[in-house]
């Protein structure tokens, strides 16, 4: 060991450049390895997909993939081929906004003795099924368009979640697309559990009804994007302050809704989920009708330099409501304290059937007039960063939920959002904790320096070679 140490020391002394290069190469290799592992660990752009059918012959057990494999769009088309070769081609697609594999264990444990996925679990145990833990979000995002192009389906969109009056024409293949209730992942666990349990009841109710009619069908249960329930750090990351609108545009699953005045765009509106609940019972999901299918009338919208109104009119969004209009009222004012113009969303109005009028005051939704406004969660709940506060009695009958809201009513250029001013405050709880801790440590350091500076030394010293030093008692 001594010889090896001496040899290594001589080598370092004679060849310092070589050792530096070896250390640099080792550090670079370690850094590259950590980078790859980090990217692998945080990559989560995939969602689970459950497929089952009433015809057991259509299930291929050999199709199961190894753990950790992410199914691409091309592989998904191969896995879906048995669906298109059935004698009776009826397909149901249950589409949720967010879902991850961890939800099946995390939410089940948080729900106590009840299982929010009870119907889905029972169906998978009794049917011929295929479970894909990880499917690329790009594949699920274009799933509906792929299915429509793959055959002459009779497409039926179910957004009102009322499947009791559903009529199925068995003479030709049917594609039923059911938009399930959205979730609020990570921020409101009770609402998430209730939404999951309600979606599970809808899946069980519809599949049971079709089986009682003697209709053979296949089912796909998946989501648009993954949830972040098991990763608490990701929830904080989603709420961080974002100033660049290009960060959001890169992840938009569909283009924003634009309102034009002449040939110029004057209003841009986007939300990953836009839904309401009337009288705590009637659920209305307007996301698909507003942004994907664009079955919305925006002709009543108004644009000017000082006042802008975004009017969204829907005809029979659910069976209980014949017409629904939602208005976003924005103003552009000059404030002397900041010496600039600010755009503010002053109120949100809901008009049901042309008679019932609900008005909400808005808090914390403002941005410089040249910017757009972005907020992760906007609604009537007290847990949301930006709230809609009821201002009349009719408004108390409504619950509004808007996720990833981005809106701009002034100074729109090139049909794109400008820089986004986020609703997340600059002084977040983490920043406050860091500031308080830093101030406390600085105070301790200053007190220690002050105590050290107060120390004094003796003005008389004893000489060991001379006579002993005597200090009178009077001193």
Protein backbone atom coordinates (compact mmCIF):
# COMPACT_ATOMS: atom_id res chain seq x y z
CA UNK A 1 0.00 0.00 0.00
CA UNK A 2 2.89 2.36 0.78
CA UNK A 3 4.51 1.65 -2.58
CA UNK A 4 1.24 2.23 -4.38
CA UNK A 5 0.79 5.57 -2.62
CA UNK A 6 4.35 6.62 -3.43
CA UNK A 7 3.90 5.58 -7.07
CA UNK A 8 0.65 7.49 -7.33
CA UNK A 9 2.31 10.54 -5.79
CA UNK A 10 5.23 10.36 -8.22
CA UNK A 11 2.82 9.98 -11.13
CA UNK A 12 0.84 13.04 -10.05
CA UNK A 13 4.05 15.01 -9.63
CA UNK A 14 5.42 14.05 -13.03
CA UNK A 15 2.17 14.10 -15.01
CA UNK A 16 -0.16 16.70 -13.49
CA UNK A 17 -1.83 17.40 -16.83
CA UNK A 18 -2.75 13.76 -17.36
CA UNK A 19 -4.32 13.51 -13.92
CA UNK A 20 -6.31 16.68 -14.52
CA UNK A 21 -7.63 15.26 -17.77
CA UNK A 22 -8.55 11.98 -16.08
CA UNK A 23 -10.41 13.82 -13.31
CA UNK A 24 -12.19 16.00 -15.88
CA UNK A 25 -13.17 12.96 -17.94
CA UNK A 26 -14.47 11.16 -14.85
CA UNK A 27 -16.43 14.24 -13.76
CA UNK A 28 -17.92 14.65 -17.22
CA UNK A 29 -18.91 10.96 -17.33
CA UNK A 30 -20.51 11.22 -13.89
CA UNK A 31 -22.36 14.38 -14.90
CA UNK A 32 -23.68 12.77 -18.08
CA UNK A 33 -24.83 9.70 -16.14
CA UNK A 34 -26.64 11.80 -13.56
CA UNK A 35 -28.25 13.86 -16.32
CA UNK A 36 -29.58 10.75 -18.06
CA UNK A 37 -30.88 9.34 -14.79
CA UNK A 38 -32.53 12.65 -13.91
CA UNK A 39 -34.25 12.91 -17.27
CA UNK A 40 -35.42 9.33 -16.98
CA UNK A 41 -36.76 9.86 -13.48
CA UNK A 42 -38.68 13.06 -14.19
CA UNK A 43 -40.05 12.12 -17.58
CA UNK A 44 -43.76 11.58 -17.09
CA UNK A 45 -45.44 12.45 -20.38
CA UNK A 46 -47.44 9.25 -20.46
CA UNK A 47 -50.80 8.08 -19.17
CA UNK A 48 -52.30 4.65 -18.45
CA UNK A 49 -54.79 3.08 -20.83
CA UNK A 50 -57.22 0.33 -19.94
CA UNK A 51 -58.80 -1.70 -22.73
CA UNK A 52 -61.41 -4.37 -22.24
CA UNK A 53 -64.01 -6.13 -24.38
CA UNK A 54 -67.00 -8.37 -23.91
CA UNK A 55 -65.57 -10.83 -26.47
CA UNK A 56 -62.87 -12.88 -24.78
CA UNK A 57 -61.46 -14.09 -28.08
CA UNK A 58 -60.27 -10.59 -28.85
CA UNK A 59 -57.83 -10.44 -25.95
CA UNK A 60 -54.23 -11.37 -26.70
CA UNK A 61 -52.25 -12.06 -23.50
CA UNK A 62 -48.98 -12.00 -25.45
CA UNK A 63 -49.49 -8.31 -26.18
CA UNK A 64 -48.44 -7.29 -22.65
CA UNK A 65 -45.30 -5.15 -22.67
CA UNK A 66 -42.41 -5.14 -20.26
CA UNK A 67 -42.37 -2.79 -17.30
CA UNK A 68 -41.14 0.71 -18.03
CA UNK A 69 -41.97 0.62 -21.74
CA UNK A 70 -43.85 3.65 -23.06
CA UNK A 71 -46.26 2.71 -25.85
CA UNK A 72 -45.83 4.94 -28.87
CA UNK A 73 -48.53 6.02 -31.31
CA UNK A 74 -47.47 3.41 -33.87
CA UNK A 75 -47.51 0.61 -31.29
CA UNK A 76 -50.92 1.72 -30.06
CA UNK A 77 -52.40 1.35 -33.54
CA UNK A 78 -51.17 -2.26 -33.61
CA UNK A 79 -52.65 -2.95 -30.17
CA UNK A 80 -56.01 -1.53 -31.27
CA UNK A 81 -56.27 -3.70 -34.37
CA UNK A 82 -58.37 -6.41 -32.60
CA UNK A 83 -61.00 -3.74 -31.95
CA UNK A 84 -61.44 -3.16 -35.68
CA UNK A 85 -61.72 -6.87 -36.54
CA UNK A 86 -64.71 -7.65 -34.35
CA UNK A 87 -67.98 -8.72 -35.89
CA UNK A 88 -69.88 -6.06 -33.96
CA UNK A 89 -67.69 -2.97 -33.88
CA UNK A 90 -68.94 -0.85 -31.01
CA UNK A 91 -66.34 1.17 -29.14
CA UNK A 92 -66.67 3.33 -26.02
CA UNK A 93 -63.93 5.83 -25.13
CA UNK A 94 -63.98 7.15 -21.57
CA UNK A 95 -61.76 10.23 -21.67
CA UNK A 96 -60.56 11.90 -18.49
CA UNK A 97 -58.49 15.08 -18.23
CA UNK A 98 -55.76 13.65 -15.95
CA UNK A 99 -54.86 10.13 -14.85
CA UNK A 100 -51.72 8.25 -13.76
CA UNK A 101 -50.97 4.71 -12.67
CA UNK A 102 -50.22 5.94 -9.15
CA UNK A 103 -53.80 7.19 -8.86
CA UNK A 104 -55.13 3.64 -8.68
CA UNK A 105 -53.15 2.98 -5.49
CA UNK A 106 -52.82 6.46 -3.98
CA UNK A 107 -56.49 7.41 -4.30
CA UNK A 108 -57.69 3.98 -3.22
CA UNK A 109 -55.66 4.22 -0.01
CA UNK A 110 -56.87 7.79 0.64
CA UNK A 111 -60.52 6.88 0.18
CA UNK A 112 -60.68 4.76 3.34
CA UNK A 113 -62.69 1.58 3.20
CA UNK A 114 -64.25 2.50 -0.16
CA UNK A 115 -62.56 2.02 -3.52
CA UNK A 116 -63.15 4.89 -5.99
CA UNK A 117 -62.29 2.51 -8.87
CA UNK A 118 -64.62 -0.25 -7.69
CA UNK A 119 -66.59 -0.67 -10.93
CA UNK A 120 -63.50 -0.48 -13.12
CA UNK A 121 -61.75 -3.08 -10.99
CA UNK A 122 -64.71 -5.46 -11.11
CA UNK A 123 -65.03 -5.05 -14.89
CA UNK A 124 -61.34 -5.78 -15.45
CA UNK A 125 -61.58 -8.94 -13.35
CA UNK A 126 -64.60 -10.25 -15.24
CA UNK A 127 -63.71 -9.14 -18.79
CA UNK A 128 -61.02 -9.74 -21.35
CA UNK A 129 -58.70 -6.82 -20.74
CA UNK A 130 -55.37 -5.28 -21.60
CA UNK A 131 -53.68 -2.84 -19.23
CA UNK A 132 -51.09 -0.44 -20.66
CA UNK A 133 -49.41 1.38 -17.74
CA UNK A 134 -47.65 3.97 -19.92
CA UNK A 135 -48.92 5.32 -23.25
CA UNK A 136 -47.36 8.37 -24.85
CA UNK A 137 -49.52 11.46 -24.42
CA UNK A 138 -49.07 12.24 -28.11
CA UNK A 139 -50.78 8.93 -28.92
CA UNK A 140 -53.76 9.58 -26.64
CA UNK A 141 -54.02 13.18 -27.78
CA UNK A 142 -54.75 12.12 -31.36
CA UNK A 143 -56.64 8.97 -30.40
CA UNK A 144 -60.07 10.28 -31.39
CA UNK A 145 -58.94 11.52 -34.78
CA UNK A 146 -57.23 8.19 -35.43
CA UNK A 147 -60.36 6.23 -34.50
CA UNK A 148 -62.56 8.37 -36.73
CA UNK A 149 -60.24 7.83 -39.67
CA UNK A 150 -59.99 4.07 -39.09
CA UNK A 151 -63.61 3.33 -39.94
CA UNK A 152 -67.08 4.60 -40.73
CA UNK A 153 -68.13 5.12 -37.13
CA UNK A 154 -71.38 6.64 -35.97
CA UNK A 155 -69.78 9.21 -33.63
CA UNK A 156 -71.68 10.21 -30.47
CA UNK A 157 -70.20 12.69 -27.99
CA UNK A 158 -71.55 12.41 -24.44
CA UNK A 159 -70.67 15.49 -22.40
CA UNK A 160 -73.65 15.81 -20.06
CA UNK A 161 -72.80 12.52 -18.30
CA UNK A 162 -76.44 11.41 -18.53
CA UNK A 163 -76.31 7.94 -20.09
CA UNK A 164 -79.75 6.76 -19.03
CA UNK A 165 -81.41 8.00 -22.24
CA UNK A 166 -78.64 6.81 -24.58
CA UNK A 167 -79.84 5.14 -27.77
CA UNK A 168 -77.46 2.91 -29.73
CA UNK A 169 -78.15 1.90 -33.32
CA UNK A 170 -76.67 -1.60 -33.55
CA UNK A 171 -77.05 -1.80 -37.34
CA UNK A 172 -73.73 0.06 -37.82
CA UNK A 173 -70.57 0.56 -35.78
CA UNK A 174 -70.78 3.15 -33.04
CA UNK A 175 -68.06 5.25 -31.43
CA UNK A 176 -69.21 6.67 -28.08
CA UNK A 177 -66.93 9.32 -26.60
CA UNK A 178 -67.72 10.05 -22.94
CA UNK A 179 -66.08 13.17 -21.46
CA UNK A 180 -65.71 12.35 -17.78
CA UNK A 181 -65.75 14.83 -14.93
CA UNK A 182 -62.42 16.73 -14.56
CA UNK A 183 -60.18 16.31 -11.55
CA UNK A 184 -58.31 18.77 -9.35
CA UNK A 185 -55.16 16.75 -8.79
CA UNK A 186 -53.06 17.40 -5.73
CA UNK A 187 -54.81 20.56 -4.47
CA UNK A 188 -58.25 19.35 -3.39
CA UNK A 189 -58.13 15.68 -2.51
CA UNK A 190 -61.78 15.40 -1.49
CA UNK A 191 -62.99 16.86 -4.78
CA UNK A 192 -60.65 14.54 -6.68
CA UNK A 193 -61.88 11.46 -4.84
CA UNK A 194 -65.52 12.40 -5.40
CA UNK A 195 -64.89 13.05 -9.09
CA UNK A 196 -63.10 9.70 -9.51
CA UNK A 197 -65.91 7.86 -7.73
CA UNK A 198 -68.54 9.61 -9.86
CA UNK A 199 -66.64 8.78 -13.07
CA UNK A 200 -66.39 5.17 -11.92
CA UNK A 201 -70.18 5.05 -11.43
CA UNK A 202 -70.73 6.43 -14.95
CA UNK A 203 -68.44 3.77 -16.44
CA UNK A 204 -70.22 1.01 -14.53
CA UNK A 205 -73.69 2.35 -15.35
CA UNK A 206 -73.08 2.65 -19.10
CA UNK A 207 -71.30 -0.69 -19.55
CA UNK A 208 -73.91 -2.52 -17.48
CA UNK A 209 -76.73 -0.99 -19.51
CA UNK A 210 -75.18 -2.07 -22.81
CA UNK A 211 -74.53 -5.59 -21.52
CA UNK A 212 -78.14 -5.92 -20.42
CA UNK A 213 -79.18 -5.03 -23.98
CA UNK A 214 -76.98 -7.84 -25.29
CA UNK A 215 -74.59 -5.50 -27.16
CA UNK A 216 -70.97 -6.57 -27.57
CA UNK A 217 -68.53 -3.69 -27.29
CA UNK A 218 -64.99 -2.66 -26.47
CA UNK A 219 -63.92 0.04 -24.02
CA UNK A 220 -60.92 2.36 -23.79
CA UNK A 221 -60.36 4.24 -20.53
CA UNK A 222 -57.55 6.80 -20.64
CA UNK A 223 -56.70 10.48 -20.10
CA UNK A 224 -55.31 13.45 -21.98
CA UNK A 225 -52.34 14.11 -19.68
CA UNK A 226 -50.83 12.58 -16.54
CA UNK A 227 -51.75 13.70 -13.05
CA UNK A 228 -49.23 14.73 -10.42
CA UNK A 229 -50.74 13.30 -7.27
CA UNK A 230 -47.79 11.19 -6.16
CA UNK A 231 -45.20 13.89 -6.86
CA UNK A 232 -45.84 16.76 -4.51
CA UNK A 233 -42.92 18.73 -5.94
CA UNK A 234 -44.59 18.77 -9.33
CA UNK A 235 -47.66 20.48 -7.88
CA UNK A 236 -45.45 23.29 -6.65
CA UNK A 237 -43.72 23.39 -10.01
CA UNK A 238 -47.01 23.85 -11.81
CA UNK A 239 -47.81 26.86 -9.64
CA UNK A 240 -44.49 28.63 -10.15
CA UNK A 241 -44.41 32.10 -11.62
CA UNK A 242 -44.37 32.05 -15.44
CA UNK A 243 -43.68 35.17 -17.41
CA UNK A 244 -43.05 33.71 -20.85
CA UNK A 245 -46.16 32.71 -22.74
CA UNK A 246 -44.11 30.46 -25.01
CA UNK A 247 -43.66 28.03 -22.12
CA UNK A 248 -47.41 27.45 -22.08
CA UNK A 249 -47.90 27.45 -25.82
CA UNK A 250 -45.56 24.53 -26.22
CA UNK A 251 -47.84 22.33 -24.10
CA UNK A 252 -51.23 23.41 -25.42
CA UNK A 253 -53.23 20.39 -26.58
CA UNK A 254 -55.46 22.59 -28.78
CA UNK A 255 -55.36 26.16 -30.07
CA UNK A 256 -56.93 28.93 -27.98
CA UNK A 257 -60.29 30.45 -28.82
CA UNK A 258 -59.86 33.73 -30.70
CA UNK A 259 -62.34 36.55 -31.25
CA UNK A 260 -61.75 38.81 -34.25
CA UNK A 261 -62.79 42.39 -34.89
CA UNK A 262 -62.57 42.82 -38.62
CA UNK A 263 -59.39 41.03 -39.66
CA UNK A 264 -57.56 41.44 -36.35
CA UNK A 265 -57.73 39.20 -33.31
CA UNK A 266 -58.79 41.13 -30.21
CA UNK A 267 -59.41 38.36 -27.62
CA UNK A 268 -57.60 35.11 -26.90
CA UNK A 269 -58.96 32.59 -24.42
CA UNK A 270 -57.59 29.20 -23.36
CA UNK A 271 -58.23 26.67 -20.59
CA UNK A 272 -57.24 23.05 -20.23
CA UNK A 273 -60.50 22.44 -18.39
CA UNK A 274 -63.59 24.65 -18.39
CA UNK A 275 -66.54 23.25 -16.45
CA UNK A 276 -69.41 24.33 -14.22
CA UNK A 277 -71.86 22.76 -11.81
CA UNK A 278 -75.39 24.08 -11.34
CA UNK A 279 -77.29 23.54 -8.09
CA UNK A 280 -74.59 21.10 -6.94
CA UNK A 281 -76.03 18.40 -9.22
CA UNK A 282 -75.91 19.33 -12.92
CA UNK A 283 -72.35 19.07 -14.20
CA UNK A 284 -71.46 20.91 -17.42
CA UNK A 285 -68.12 20.33 -19.16
CA UNK A 286 -67.58 23.04 -21.78
CA UNK A 287 -63.95 22.26 -22.64
CA UNK A 288 -64.63 20.18 -25.72
CA UNK A 289 -67.41 22.44 -27.02
CA UNK A 290 -65.32 25.59 -26.55
CA UNK A 291 -61.88 24.62 -27.83
CA UNK A 292 -62.03 21.30 -29.70
CA UNK A 293 -65.38 21.21 -31.49
CA UNK A 294 -65.91 25.00 -31.11
CA UNK A 295 -69.68 24.60 -30.81
CA UNK A 296 -69.94 28.01 -29.21
CA UNK A 297 -71.36 31.33 -30.42
CA UNK A 298 -68.99 34.26 -29.86
CA UNK A 299 -70.81 36.78 -32.07
CA UNK A 300 -71.91 38.86 -29.06
CA UNK A 301 -68.33 39.53 -27.98
CA UNK A 302 -67.23 43.18 -28.04
CA UNK A 303 -63.78 44.71 -28.35
CA UNK A 304 -62.52 48.26 -27.77
CA UNK A 305 -59.46 50.00 -26.37
CA UNK A 306 -60.99 50.38 -22.91
CA UNK A 307 -63.65 47.66 -22.53
CA UNK A 308 -63.76 44.10 -23.82
CA UNK A 309 -66.43 41.45 -23.36
CA UNK A 310 -65.93 37.79 -24.21
CA UNK A 311 -69.36 36.22 -24.73
CA UNK A 312 -69.67 32.43 -24.96
CA UNK A 313 -73.13 31.11 -25.89
CA UNK A 314 -73.98 27.41 -25.81
CA UNK A 315 -77.15 25.78 -27.09
CA UNK A 316 -78.42 22.94 -24.89
CA UNK A 317 -75.12 22.09 -23.22
CA UNK A 318 -77.02 19.56 -21.06
CA UNK A 319 -80.55 18.23 -21.06
CA UNK A 320 -81.58 20.37 -18.10
CA UNK A 321 -80.43 23.66 -19.70
CA UNK A 322 -81.59 24.89 -23.11
CA UNK A 323 -79.20 27.83 -23.43
CA UNK A 324 -76.22 29.12 -21.49
CA UNK A 325 -74.19 32.30 -21.90
CA UNK A 326 -70.95 33.09 -20.06
CA UNK A 327 -69.50 36.60 -20.24
CA UNK A 328 -66.02 37.74 -19.21
CA UNK A 329 -65.92 41.54 -18.74
CA UNK A 330 -62.47 43.16 -18.94
CA UNK A 331 -61.32 46.79 -18.72
CA UNK A 332 -58.16 48.63 -19.66
CA UNK A 333 -57.31 51.56 -17.36
CA UNK A 334 -54.35 53.83 -16.65
CA UNK A 335 -53.03 53.79 -13.08
CA UNK A 336 -50.89 56.71 -12.01
CA UNK A 337 -49.15 54.79 -9.21
CA UNK A 338 -47.50 52.46 -11.72
CA UNK A 339 -47.55 54.93 -14.63
CA UNK A 340 -48.94 52.34 -17.03
CA UNK A 341 -52.16 50.73 -18.27
CA UNK A 342 -53.47 47.56 -16.67
CA UNK A 343 -56.06 45.11 -18.03
CA UNK A 344 -58.40 43.70 -15.39
CA UNK A 345 -61.03 41.01 -15.46
CA UNK A 346 -63.73 42.77 -13.44
CA UNK A 347 -66.56 40.24 -13.41
CA UNK A 348 -67.91 36.99 -14.85
CA UNK A 349 -71.61 36.64 -15.67
CA UNK A 350 -73.67 33.51 -16.32
CA UNK A 351 -77.08 33.72 -18.00
CA UNK A 352 -79.15 30.52 -17.98
CA UNK A 353 -82.09 30.14 -20.39
CA UNK A 354 -82.13 33.91 -20.90
CA UNK A 355 -83.65 34.49 -17.45
CA UNK A 356 -81.46 33.40 -14.55
CA UNK A 357 -78.59 35.86 -14.13
CA UNK A 358 -75.55 35.10 -11.95
CA UNK A 359 -72.70 37.55 -11.42
CA UNK A 360 -69.29 36.95 -9.91
CA UNK A 361 -66.73 39.51 -8.79
CA UNK A 362 -63.16 38.55 -9.60
CA UNK A 363 -60.07 38.84 -7.44
CA UNK A 364 -56.39 38.82 -8.43
CA UNK A 365 -56.92 38.69 -12.20
CA UNK A 366 -55.02 41.63 -13.65
CA UNK A 367 -51.96 42.15 -15.81
CA UNK A 368 -50.17 44.93 -17.67
CA UNK A 369 -52.17 45.86 -20.73
CA UNK A 370 -49.46 44.49 -23.04
CA UNK A 371 -49.45 41.10 -21.27
CA UNK A 372 -51.81 38.16 -21.06
CA UNK A 373 -52.96 36.70 -17.77
CA UNK A 374 -52.33 33.12 -16.68
CA UNK A 375 -53.46 31.19 -13.63
CA UNK A 376 -53.29 27.50 -12.84
CA UNK A 377 -56.67 27.36 -11.06
CA UNK A 378 -59.58 29.81 -11.23
CA UNK A 379 -62.99 29.18 -9.75
CA UNK A 380 -65.39 29.55 -6.88
CA UNK A 381 -63.45 27.39 -4.40
CA UNK A 382 -61.57 29.05 -1.56
CA UNK A 383 -58.52 26.91 -2.35
CA UNK A 384 -57.92 28.49 -5.78
CA UNK A 385 -55.35 31.28 -6.25
CA UNK A 386 -57.85 33.37 -8.27
CA UNK A 387 -61.41 33.33 -6.99
CA UNK A 388 -64.82 34.08 -8.47
CA UNK A 389 -66.84 35.63 -5.64
CA UNK A 390 -70.65 35.47 -5.95
CA UNK A 391 -72.21 38.94 -5.92
CA UNK A 392 -75.91 37.93 -6.04
CA UNK A 393 -78.07 35.06 -4.80
CA UNK A 394 -78.23 33.28 -8.18
CA UNK A 395 -74.44 33.06 -8.32
CA UNK A 396 -74.43 30.96 -5.14
CA UNK A 397 -76.07 28.14 -7.13
CA UNK A 398 -73.07 27.81 -9.44
CA UNK A 399 -69.64 26.24 -9.02
CA UNK A 400 -67.02 27.22 -11.60
CA UNK A 401 -63.77 25.40 -12.29
CA UNK A 402 -61.20 26.63 -14.82
CA UNK A 403 -57.72 25.10 -14.94
CA UNK A 404 -54.72 26.66 -16.69
CA UNK A 405 -56.63 29.77 -17.64
CA UNK A 406 -54.92 32.18 -20.03
CA UNK A 407 -56.77 35.19 -21.36
CA UNK A 408 -55.84 38.37 -23.18
CA UNK A 409 -58.33 41.04 -24.16
CA UNK A 410 -56.07 43.87 -25.33
CA UNK A 411 -53.04 44.38 -27.56
CA UNK A 412 -53.13 40.95 -29.21
CA UNK A 413 -50.44 40.64 -31.87
CA UNK A 414 -49.89 37.91 -34.49
CA UNK A 415 -52.81 35.85 -33.08
CA UNK A 416 -50.61 34.76 -30.16
CA UNK A 417 -50.55 35.31 -26.43
CA UNK A 418 -48.13 37.92 -25.17
CA UNK A 419 -45.95 37.47 -22.11
CA UNK A 420 -48.03 35.99 -19.28
CA UNK A 421 -48.42 37.58 -15.87
CA UNK A 422 -49.12 34.75 -13.46
CA UNK A 423 -51.48 34.83 -10.49
CA UNK A 424 -48.86 33.19 -8.28
CA UNK A 425 -47.41 35.85 -6.00
CA UNK A 426 -43.70 36.59 -5.94
CA UNK A 427 -43.39 35.96 -2.18
CA UNK A 428 -44.40 32.32 -2.05
CA UNK A 429 -44.36 30.37 1.25
CA UNK A 430 -40.96 28.94 0.36
CA UNK A 431 -39.50 32.40 -0.21
CA UNK A 432 -40.95 33.65 3.08
CA UNK A 433 -39.44 30.69 4.92
CA UNK A 434 -36.06 31.38 3.35
CA UNK A 435 -36.23 35.08 4.23
CA UNK A 436 -37.20 34.44 7.85
CA UNK A 437 -34.48 31.81 8.24
CA UNK A 438 -31.87 34.10 6.69
CA UNK A 439 -32.86 37.02 8.94
CA UNK A 440 -32.65 34.77 12.01
CA UNK A 441 -29.18 33.51 11.06
CA UNK A 442 -27.98 37.04 10.34
CA UNK A 443 -29.23 38.18 13.73
CA UNK A 444 -27.35 35.33 15.44
CA UNK A 445 -24.21 36.20 13.48
CA UNK A 446 -24.48 39.90 14.33
CA UNK A 447 -25.04 39.10 18.01
CA UNK A 448 -21.99 36.82 18.03
CA UNK A 449 -19.78 39.48 16.40
CA UNK A 450 -21.06 42.05 18.89
CA UNK A 451 -20.20 39.79 21.84
CA UNK A 452 -16.72 39.11 20.44
CA UNK A 453 -16.09 42.82 20.06
CA UNK A 454 -17.01 43.38 23.73
CA UNK A 455 -14.27 41.07 24.97
CA UNK A 456 -11.36 42.88 26.78
CA UNK A 457 -7.83 41.73 27.61
CA UNK A 458 -5.83 42.19 30.82
CA UNK A 459 -3.81 45.40 31.10
CA UNK A 460 -1.22 43.78 33.41
CA UNK A 461 0.77 40.57 32.79
CA UNK A 462 2.81 38.42 35.16
CA UNK A 463 6.52 38.06 34.28
CA UNK A 464 7.71 34.56 35.21
CA UNK A 465 11.35 35.74 35.60
CA UNK A 466 10.56 38.76 37.72
CA UNK A 467 8.83 39.26 41.03
CA UNK A 468 5.27 38.12 41.37
CA UNK A 469 2.63 40.56 40.32
CA UNK A 470 0.45 41.68 43.13
CA UNK A 471 -2.83 43.41 42.58
CA UNK A 472 -4.16 45.38 45.54
CA UNK A 473 -7.71 44.63 46.62
CA UNK A 474 -8.72 48.23 46.08
CA UNK A 475 -8.22 47.92 42.35
